Amino acid sequence: EQARSKGARVLLAPTINLHRTALNGRNFECYSEDPYLSARLAVGYVKGVQSRGVAATAKHFVGNEQEHQRMTISSEVSARALRELYLAPFEAVVKEANVRVVMTAYNRLNGVYCCDHGPLVRELLKGEWGFDGLVVSDWFGTRSTEQALEAGVDLEMPGPSAFRGQALVSAVQARQGMETLVDDSVARLFTLLSWTGASGELAEETYLDRPEDRALIRRAGAAGTVLLKNTGVLPLSRDAIRRLAVIGPNAKSAQIMGGGSAQLNALHRVSPWDGLAAGAGPGLELTYAEGCSNHRLLPHLAGAVRLSFFDNEDLSGEPVVERDEADIEYFWFSRPFKQTRQRGFSARACVDFTPARCVAQYFGLVSAVKARLLVDVEDVIDAL
């Protein structure tokens, strides 16, 4: 229901890789280190999501269980371990839950990229298991044109295409048999569109903020909490406590989600500090200490951001689109607005910043394109 409220008919979940290392950055999305438990949870999840006409996506197929060289590493797995451990949750959602989409992983499996792995995708997934849904690449995870199509990858994501498009047209014209593979992929794509009832028109995005949903989320969060040790401290007694110290960098920052496909704009953000303050009542004094900083990058500049887009590459003339945003982080795969060209637009973000203390200030800039950071009119960081 939440996906449909966003105009989305395909959900990029569940992630059913295994907890094979504690340093895997996507562990928070996965279910378990145990393949049987992961399979049971995944089957229930997929059946629930798809019962509302939204297609689920089983990912990442397969062996994408570590952060080290996530995009390129080769997972060396024996045939037995592959079947009994890593493939088990995927087999279950295909055969028991009729999952509609499977996403190939970034990594190699025994030396071959998963998106190019014919024995894995076309022979095992589509052949032996009889998967009749759509196989989609992970975002920027396609590595080839002909080999990926022959392996069984139906759709390259995201657009605009890097390995399909005209490159695929040329491949079909140059080789016999390629057209049949394209026909199969197109049929699978139209079958998915038909299954979801998607018309091709983007639905207006709305939001659900229902009391019963909030109650369910609260109950699920509490039930999913694992307490390793309790020597009689919890639950806290409001009558017995007069002062409570809250320590840690995440206490006031509401770290409520990870990255990747699990990142979204939440309607409500309640930090541990806010929750404690709201429930403390009279007679309980709360104190706070950050303790340490845990920022991977410098925190975003806070404040209203004025964002301007120009239909040229040098910020010249009047902007074709202006809008106000609440964050200074932006990410897009193609042109952000129809008023700008696919290639050859520029953007400017302006935000007011007043230092809280008169000390040295540090600024950072992360960008995948040419960018500059100016404080007033002075260049501070030049990535041009």
Protein backbone atom coordinates (compact mmCIF):
# COMPACT_ATOMS: atom_id res chain seq x y z
CA GLU A 1 0.00 0.00 0.00
CA GLN A 2 2.87 2.38 0.71
CA ALA A 3 4.42 1.59 -2.70
CA ARG A 4 1.14 2.22 -4.51
CA SER A 5 0.78 5.56 -2.72
CA LYS A 6 4.07 6.57 -4.36
CA GLY A 7 2.85 5.58 -7.80
CA ALA A 8 5.20 2.57 -7.76
CA ARG A 9 4.17 -0.89 -8.95
CA VAL A 10 7.55 -2.62 -8.55
CA LEU A 11 9.27 -2.72 -5.16
CA LEU A 12 13.03 -3.20 -5.09
CA ALA A 13 12.85 -5.71 -2.25
CA PRO A 14 13.39 -8.11 -0.58
CA THR A 15 17.16 -8.33 -0.26
CA ILE A 16 17.72 -12.00 0.54
CA ASN A 17 21.49 -12.30 0.56
CA LEU A 18 22.87 -13.92 3.70
CA HIS A 19 24.68 -12.41 6.68
CA ARG A 20 27.99 -14.04 5.80
CA THR A 21 30.11 -11.18 7.16
CA ALA A 22 29.34 -8.53 9.74
CA LEU A 23 30.91 -5.91 7.47
CA ASN A 24 28.38 -6.27 4.65
CA GLY A 25 26.84 -2.83 4.25
CA ARG A 26 23.45 -4.20 3.19
CA ASN A 27 22.99 -6.54 6.16
CA PHE A 28 20.32 -4.27 7.61
CA GLU A 29 18.14 -5.10 4.58
CA CYS A 30 18.77 -8.84 4.70
CA TYR A 31 17.01 -11.30 6.96
CA SER A 32 19.44 -13.79 8.42
CA GLU A 33 22.66 -15.78 8.16
CA ASP A 34 20.51 -18.89 7.93
CA PRO A 35 19.22 -19.79 4.43
CA TYR A 36 16.11 -21.58 5.69
CA LEU A 37 15.01 -18.70 7.92
CA SER A 38 15.75 -16.19 5.14
CA ALA A 39 13.69 -18.24 2.72
CA ARG A 40 10.68 -18.46 5.07
CA LEU A 41 10.72 -14.73 5.75
CA ALA A 42 11.22 -13.88 2.08
CA VAL A 43 8.35 -16.08 0.92
CA GLY A 44 6.00 -14.41 3.38
CA TYR A 45 7.21 -10.95 2.40
CA VAL A 46 6.81 -11.56 -1.34
CA LYS A 47 3.36 -13.09 -0.98
CA GLY A 48 2.22 -10.15 1.14
CA VAL A 49 3.55 -7.45 -1.18
CA GLN A 50 2.31 -9.11 -4.36
CA SER A 51 -1.15 -9.73 -2.89
CA ARG A 52 -1.68 -5.97 -3.32
CA GLY A 53 -0.70 -5.89 -6.99
CA VAL A 54 2.85 -4.65 -6.43
CA ALA A 55 5.66 -6.77 -7.85
CA ALA A 56 8.47 -7.75 -5.49
CA THR A 57 12.12 -7.98 -6.60
CA ALA A 58 14.33 -10.72 -5.17
CA LYS A 59 17.91 -9.48 -4.99
CA HIS A 60 20.88 -9.63 -5.36
CA PHE A 61 21.24 -12.80 -7.44
CA VAL A 62 23.64 -14.12 -6.16
CA GLY A 63 26.60 -14.12 -3.71
CA ASN A 64 26.63 -10.37 -3.05
CA GLU A 65 27.39 -10.67 0.67
CA GLN A 66 30.38 -8.41 1.31
CA GLU A 67 31.32 -4.78 1.00
CA HIS A 68 34.93 -5.23 -0.13
CA GLN A 69 34.98 -4.55 -3.89
CA ARG A 70 31.22 -5.05 -3.96
CA MET A 71 30.94 -4.06 -7.63
CA THR A 72 33.68 -6.30 -9.00
CA ILE A 73 34.71 -9.04 -6.57
CA SER A 74 34.35 -12.68 -7.53
CA SER A 75 32.51 -14.81 -4.98
CA GLU A 76 34.15 -18.22 -5.21
CA VAL A 77 31.46 -20.72 -4.17
CA SER A 78 31.31 -24.47 -4.58
CA ALA A 79 28.28 -26.00 -6.31
CA ARG A 80 27.00 -27.55 -3.09
CA ALA A 81 27.40 -24.40 -0.97
CA LEU A 82 25.74 -22.38 -3.72
CA ARG A 83 22.71 -24.65 -3.78
CA GLU A 84 22.35 -25.23 -0.05
CA LEU A 85 23.12 -21.71 1.17
CA TYR A 86 23.16 -18.79 -1.22
CA LEU A 87 20.54 -19.90 -3.76
CA ALA A 88 18.06 -21.36 -1.27
CA PRO A 89 16.10 -18.15 -0.50
CA PHE A 90 15.91 -17.28 -4.21
CA GLU A 91 14.66 -20.73 -5.14
CA ALA A 92 11.99 -20.49 -2.47
CA VAL A 93 10.57 -17.13 -3.60
CA VAL A 94 10.54 -18.28 -7.24
CA LYS A 95 8.87 -21.63 -6.64
CA GLU A 96 6.67 -20.85 -3.64
CA ALA A 97 5.86 -17.14 -3.93
CA ASN A 98 6.01 -16.63 -7.72
CA VAL A 99 8.14 -13.52 -7.34
CA ARG A 100 7.75 -11.34 -10.41
CA VAL A 101 11.25 -9.78 -10.65
CA VAL A 102 14.77 -11.00 -9.90
CA MET A 103 17.73 -8.61 -9.83
CA THR A 104 21.21 -9.78 -10.78
CA ALA A 105 24.09 -8.89 -8.46
CA TYR A 106 27.04 -6.61 -9.14
CA ASN A 107 29.69 -9.18 -8.33
CA ARG A 108 31.20 -12.05 -10.25
CA LEU A 109 30.30 -15.63 -9.39
CA ASN A 110 33.27 -17.94 -9.84
CA GLY A 111 34.88 -15.46 -12.19
CA VAL A 112 31.86 -14.44 -14.32
CA TYR A 113 29.75 -11.34 -13.70
CA CYS A 114 26.27 -12.40 -12.56
CA CYS A 115 24.66 -10.31 -15.30
CA ASP A 116 26.69 -12.28 -17.89
CA HIS A 117 26.27 -15.67 -16.20
CA GLY A 118 24.21 -17.83 -18.55
CA PRO A 119 24.36 -21.01 -16.43
CA LEU A 120 23.10 -18.99 -13.43
CA VAL A 121 20.36 -16.90 -15.04
CA ARG A 122 19.10 -18.57 -18.21
CA GLU A 123 19.80 -22.21 -17.36
CA LEU A 124 19.13 -22.32 -13.60
CA LEU A 125 16.72 -19.45 -12.88
CA LYS A 126 14.68 -19.42 -16.07
CA GLY A 127 15.24 -23.01 -17.10
CA GLU A 128 15.45 -25.36 -14.13
CA TRP A 129 13.34 -23.24 -11.76
CA GLY A 130 10.90 -22.12 -14.47
CA PHE A 131 11.03 -18.43 -13.55
CA ASP A 132 8.69 -16.61 -15.94
CA GLY A 133 9.16 -13.09 -14.59
CA LEU A 134 11.57 -10.27 -15.44
CA VAL A 135 15.32 -10.35 -14.79
CA VAL A 136 16.68 -6.86 -14.21
CA SER A 137 20.25 -5.72 -13.64
CA ASP A 138 21.30 -3.93 -10.50
CA TRP A 139 21.69 -0.18 -11.04
CA PHE A 140 24.70 0.29 -13.37
CA GLY A 141 25.33 -3.44 -12.96
CA THR A 142 25.10 -4.36 -16.65
CA ARG A 143 28.53 -5.15 -18.10
CA SER A 144 27.85 -6.08 -21.72
CA THR A 145 25.31 -6.03 -24.54
CA GLU A 146 25.23 -9.42 -26.23
CA GLN A 147 26.55 -11.53 -23.35
CA ALA A 148 24.06 -10.10 -20.83
CA LEU A 149 21.14 -10.68 -23.21
CA GLU A 150 22.29 -14.21 -23.97
CA ALA A 151 22.70 -14.85 -20.23
CA GLY A 152 19.07 -13.90 -19.66
CA VAL A 153 19.07 -10.31 -18.36
CA ASP A 154 15.90 -8.73 -19.72
CA LEU A 155 16.22 -5.12 -18.64
CA GLU A 156 19.21 -2.84 -18.04
CA MET A 157 18.78 -0.31 -15.26
CA PRO A 158 18.77 2.58 -14.96
CA GLY A 159 18.11 4.62 -18.08
CA PRO A 160 19.39 6.10 -20.24
CA SER A 161 20.84 2.81 -21.44
CA ALA A 162 24.57 2.21 -21.72
CA PHE A 163 24.60 -1.33 -23.16
CA ARG A 164 21.16 -1.64 -24.74
CA GLY A 165 19.57 0.98 -26.98
CA GLN A 166 21.46 1.40 -30.26
CA ALA A 167 24.14 -1.05 -29.16
CA LEU A 168 21.47 -3.75 -28.89
CA VAL A 169 19.96 -2.79 -32.25
CA SER A 170 23.39 -3.21 -33.85
CA ALA A 171 23.87 -6.57 -32.14
CA VAL A 172 20.51 -7.85 -33.41
CA GLN A 173 21.33 -6.72 -36.94
CA ALA A 174 24.76 -8.34 -36.83
CA ARG A 175 23.90 -11.76 -35.37
CA GLN A 176 21.26 -14.35 -35.99
CA GLY A 177 19.24 -15.50 -33.03
CA MET A 178 19.52 -12.25 -31.08
CA GLU A 179 16.08 -11.06 -32.17
CA THR A 180 14.45 -14.10 -30.56
CA LEU A 181 16.14 -13.25 -27.25
CA VAL A 182 14.96 -9.65 -27.47
CA ASP A 183 11.41 -10.83 -28.18
CA ASP A 184 11.49 -13.00 -25.05
CA SER A 185 12.73 -10.11 -22.89
CA VAL A 186 10.13 -7.71 -24.31
CA ALA A 187 7.37 -10.26 -23.67
CA ARG A 188 8.50 -10.62 -20.06
CA LEU A 189 8.50 -6.85 -19.62
CA PHE A 190 4.98 -6.50 -21.01
CA THR A 191 3.83 -9.40 -18.84
CA LEU A 192 5.11 -7.53 -15.77
CA LEU A 193 3.39 -4.31 -16.85
CA SER A 194 0.16 -6.21 -17.38
CA TRP A 195 0.46 -8.03 -14.04
CA THR A 196 0.91 -4.76 -12.14
CA GLY A 197 -1.71 -2.89 -14.13
CA ALA A 198 0.81 -0.18 -14.97
CA SER A 199 -0.42 2.04 -17.79
CA GLY A 200 2.81 3.84 -18.56
CA GLU A 201 1.56 7.07 -17.01
CA LEU A 202 3.25 8.16 -13.80
CA ALA A 203 0.71 8.24 -11.01
CA GLU A 204 0.60 11.23 -8.69
CA GLU A 205 2.66 10.61 -5.57
CA THR A 206 0.75 10.78 -2.32
CA TYR A 207 1.50 9.59 1.20
CA LEU A 208 -0.12 7.44 3.82
CA ASP A 209 0.04 8.58 7.43
CA ARG A 210 -2.42 6.35 9.22
CA PRO A 211 -2.54 5.73 12.98
CA GLU A 212 -2.83 1.97 12.44
CA ASP A 213 0.35 2.02 10.33
CA ARG A 214 2.25 3.93 12.99
CA ALA A 215 1.05 1.46 15.63
CA LEU A 216 2.15 -1.49 13.48
CA ILE A 217 5.59 0.01 12.86
CA ARG A 218 6.05 0.68 16.58
CA ARG A 219 4.99 -2.87 17.48
CA ALA A 220 7.26 -4.41 14.82
CA GLY A 221 10.21 -2.29 15.92
CA ALA A 222 9.78 -3.26 19.55
CA ALA A 223 9.32 -6.95 18.73
CA GLY A 224 12.39 -6.90 16.49
CA THR A 225 14.69 -5.51 19.19
CA VAL A 226 17.24 -7.98 20.55
CA LEU A 227 18.57 -7.29 24.04
CA LEU A 228 21.83 -9.15 24.58
CA LYS A 229 21.98 -8.58 28.32
CA ASN A 230 19.77 -7.03 30.99
CA THR A 231 20.83 -7.01 34.64
CA GLY A 232 17.55 -5.62 35.86
CA VAL A 233 18.07 -2.13 34.42
CA LEU A 234 15.32 -2.25 31.81
CA PRO A 235 12.57 -1.28 31.60
CA LEU A 236 13.43 2.08 33.15
CA SER A 237 11.27 3.15 36.08
CA ARG A 238 10.13 6.75 35.83
CA ASP A 239 9.44 6.85 39.56
CA ALA A 240 12.94 5.67 40.55
CA ILE A 241 14.99 7.81 38.11
CA ARG A 242 15.65 11.50 38.58
CA ARG A 243 18.39 12.05 35.99
CA LEU A 244 19.10 10.23 32.74
CA ALA A 245 22.21 10.66 30.60
CA VAL A 246 21.87 10.10 26.85
CA ILE A 247 25.24 9.55 25.18
CA GLY A 248 26.19 8.95 21.58
CA PRO A 249 26.29 10.68 18.18
CA ASN A 250 23.07 9.00 16.97
CA ALA A 251 20.97 9.99 19.97
CA LYS A 252 19.82 13.27 18.42
CA SER A 253 20.26 12.57 14.70
CA ALA A 254 17.44 10.03 14.05
CA GLN A 255 19.44 7.51 12.04
CA ILE A 256 16.38 5.69 10.80
CA MET A 257 17.44 4.16 7.51
CA GLY A 258 20.32 2.90 5.42
CA GLY A 259 21.20 3.71 1.85
CA GLY A 260 20.51 2.14 -1.51
CA SER A 261 16.95 1.04 -2.18
CA ALA A 262 16.10 1.39 1.51
CA GLN A 263 16.51 5.17 1.49
CA LEU A 264 13.41 7.35 1.48
CA ASN A 265 12.03 10.54 2.93
CA ALA A 266 10.19 9.61 6.10
CA LEU A 267 7.09 11.50 7.14
CA HIS A 268 8.24 11.54 10.76
CA ARG A 269 11.70 11.37 12.31
CA VAL A 270 11.80 10.76 16.03
CA SER A 271 15.30 10.50 17.49
CA PRO A 272 16.00 8.61 20.72
CA TRP A 273 16.43 11.96 22.43
CA ASP A 274 13.09 13.28 21.11
CA GLY A 275 11.32 10.11 22.18
CA LEU A 276 12.79 10.19 25.67
CA ALA A 277 12.05 13.91 26.04
CA ALA A 278 8.45 13.41 24.95
CA GLY A 279 7.91 10.58 27.42
CA ALA A 280 10.00 11.85 30.33
CA GLY A 281 7.36 13.91 32.05
CA PRO A 282 8.00 16.13 35.09
CA GLY A 283 10.66 15.18 37.57
CA LEU A 284 13.06 13.55 35.08
CA GLU A 285 16.11 15.55 34.00
CA LEU A 286 17.69 14.55 30.67
CA THR A 287 21.30 15.36 29.84
CA TYR A 288 23.11 14.74 26.56
CA ALA A 289 26.69 14.26 25.37
CA GLU A 290 27.72 13.45 21.80
CA GLY A 291 30.63 11.32 22.99
CA CYS A 292 32.23 11.14 19.56
CA SER A 293 31.53 11.86 15.92
CA ASN A 294 30.73 9.06 13.49
CA HIS A 295 30.25 10.93 10.22
CA ARG A 296 31.61 9.11 7.18
CA LEU A 297 31.42 12.45 5.36
CA LEU A 298 30.86 15.93 6.72
CA PRO A 299 27.20 16.39 7.70
CA HIS A 300 24.94 18.20 5.27
CA LEU A 301 24.46 21.93 5.60
CA ALA A 302 21.17 22.46 7.39
CA GLY A 303 18.59 24.94 6.18
CA ALA A 304 16.32 25.73 3.26
CA VAL A 305 18.04 25.22 -0.09
CA ARG A 306 17.23 27.24 -3.20
CA LEU A 307 17.83 25.04 -6.25
CA SER A 308 18.07 26.54 -9.74
CA PHE A 309 18.42 24.68 -13.06
CA PHE A 310 19.76 26.15 -16.28
CA ASP A 311 19.41 24.83 -19.83
CA ASN A 312 23.11 25.38 -20.46
CA GLU A 313 26.41 24.27 -18.95
CA ASP A 314 27.63 27.55 -17.43
CA LEU A 315 24.76 28.77 -15.20
CA SER A 316 24.15 31.65 -17.61
CA GLY A 317 20.89 33.50 -18.15
CA GLU A 318 17.73 32.89 -16.21
CA PRO A 319 17.01 29.50 -14.63
CA VAL A 320 14.38 27.40 -16.37
CA VAL A 321 13.32 25.79 -13.09
CA GLU A 322 13.62 26.98 -9.49
CA ARG A 323 12.45 25.18 -6.39
CA ASP A 324 13.03 25.05 -2.64
CA GLU A 325 14.38 21.88 -1.04
CA ALA A 326 15.01 20.78 2.54
CA ASP A 327 18.30 18.99 1.86
CA ILE A 328 21.46 19.74 -0.07
CA GLU A 329 21.95 16.20 -1.40
CA TYR A 330 20.72 15.52 -4.95
CA PHE A 331 20.82 12.48 -7.17
CA TRP A 332 19.39 11.92 -10.63
CA PHE A 333 19.91 9.43 -13.47
CA SER A 334 18.82 11.64 -16.35
CA ARG A 335 17.66 15.19 -16.84
CA PRO A 336 15.87 16.36 -13.71
CA PHE A 337 13.19 18.35 -15.55
CA LYS A 338 11.73 18.36 -19.04
CA GLN A 339 12.79 22.00 -19.39
CA THR A 340 16.46 20.94 -19.43
CA ARG A 341 18.32 18.91 -22.01
CA GLN A 342 19.48 15.36 -21.31
CA ARG A 343 23.08 16.49 -21.58
CA GLY A 344 24.21 20.06 -21.21
CA PHE A 345 22.34 21.46 -18.20
CA SER A 346 23.72 22.96 -15.00
CA ALA A 347 22.39 23.48 -11.50
CA ARG A 348 23.08 25.80 -8.56
CA ALA A 349 22.17 25.19 -4.93
CA CYS A 350 22.21 28.08 -2.45
CA VAL A 351 21.89 27.81 1.32
CA ASP A 352 22.47 30.26 4.17
CA PHE A 353 24.98 29.08 6.74
CA THR A 354 25.72 30.73 10.09
CA PRO A 355 28.41 29.06 12.23
CA ALA A 356 27.29 28.17 15.72
CA ARG A 357 30.75 29.00 17.08
CA CYS A 358 33.58 31.26 15.98
CA VAL A 359 36.02 28.46 15.14
CA ALA A 360 37.57 27.04 11.98
CA GLN A 361 34.89 25.63 9.65
CA TYR A 362 35.37 22.59 7.42
CA PHE A 363 33.55 22.19 4.10
CA GLY A 364 33.26 19.16 1.85
CA LEU A 365 31.93 18.47 -1.62
CA VAL A 366 30.98 15.08 -3.05
CA SER A 367 30.08 15.01 -6.73
CA ALA A 368 30.02 12.65 -9.71
CA VAL A 369 30.14 15.60 -12.12
CA LYS A 370 31.98 18.89 -12.43
CA ALA A 371 31.19 21.01 -9.39
CA ARG A 372 32.35 23.97 -7.30
CA LEU A 373 31.69 25.05 -3.75
CA LEU A 374 31.65 28.78 -3.05
CA VAL A 375 31.38 30.54 0.29
CA ASP A 376 29.97 33.94 -0.60
CA VAL A 377 31.89 34.52 -3.87
CA GLU A 378 35.12 32.75 -2.92
CA ASP A 379 35.99 29.37 -4.39
CA VAL A 380 36.53 26.93 -1.51
CA ILE A 381 36.48 23.64 -3.45
CA ASP A 382 36.95 23.42 -7.20
CA ALA A 383 36.17 20.05 -8.82
CA LEU A 384 35.99 21.38 -12.37
